[in-house]
Amino acid sequence: MTRPDIICHMIASLDGRLLADRWPCTEDALLEVYDGAAARLEADGWIAGRETMGHYLDSGDPATDGPRAEPRDRIAGHRGPGLGIAFDRSGRLRPESGDLDGDHLVIVLSGQVSEAHVADLAAKGVSVVFSGPGGADIEGALARIGAAFGVSRLLLEGGGTLNGAFLAAGVIDETSTLIHPVLDGQRGIPAIYDGDAPRGARALELVSAETLPGGTVWLRHRLGKA
C-alpha cells in the first residue's frame, strides 16, 4: 500500500519563523500569496496538527478516559473537493461535523483515545484513522488515507512540531517554502521544522525558485535520502 506524496507547504520569515501575526503586513496579503501557490501544487487535500486546527475547530481535554477504541479506521462518506486532515494524537479536537470549509474532515488518532470519542466523531460524519498505539505510525496512517480516498498528493501545512515529526518519519517528499521579505529575529518563535530528537540534516535538490508579487520568494525542493 503506497502512501500519497507529501509536499510541506509553508510561508515563513527569512529566518524560518512562522508567527505571521508579528509581521508588518496584512493577513489578506499573506493568504493571497500562500493560497495562490498552494493552488498551483494541485493537491488532493491538506494536513495540519492539533494546534493549527484549533483555529478552525473547538477543542477540549484529551479523550483518553474510558475503554480504549478498537484501532479500526472509520471511513465516512466522502463529499467535497478534497480532504482536511488533522493529526490529533490524544483526541482533543471537537468538530461539529465532517465538513471543514467544504473539505471532508479526517482525524488521525493514536490508540490511546476512548471508544466513546471515536464513536462521537464517526456519528458526526468525521472519518477516523489510527496511527498506532502511541501515534507514531504516520506512514501507515497516510497509506490507509490514500487507499480509502484515492488521493495521491497532500499538502503538509504544519505547525513546526507536526512538520518535524513528518521529517523524522521520512515521509516528506518535497518542500514548498514561501520566504516572505521580513526578518523575525526573536528567539523561541516556532520554526518550520521543530523536533527534539537528534537527527542528521537532510540534503535538498532545488526544483524551482520564483519571485512572487510583493517580493516573496517561492522555493521548491525535493528531499534527498536520509
Foldseek 3Di string as FASTA:
>chain_A
DAFAAEAAQAEAAPVFFHPCVPPPDDPVVVCVVRVVVVVVVVFQEEEEEPVVCVVQFPWADFQQPDAWADQDKQAFDFFFRHEYEYEYARLTTDHQAQAGPRGGYEYEYARRHHNVSVVVHVVRRHIYHYQYNRNLNPRVRRRVVCVVPVTRYYYYHYDQDVQQSCVVVVRHFKYKYKHAHDDDPDPPGTGRHDDDDDDDDWDWAWDDWDADPNGIIITMTGTDDD
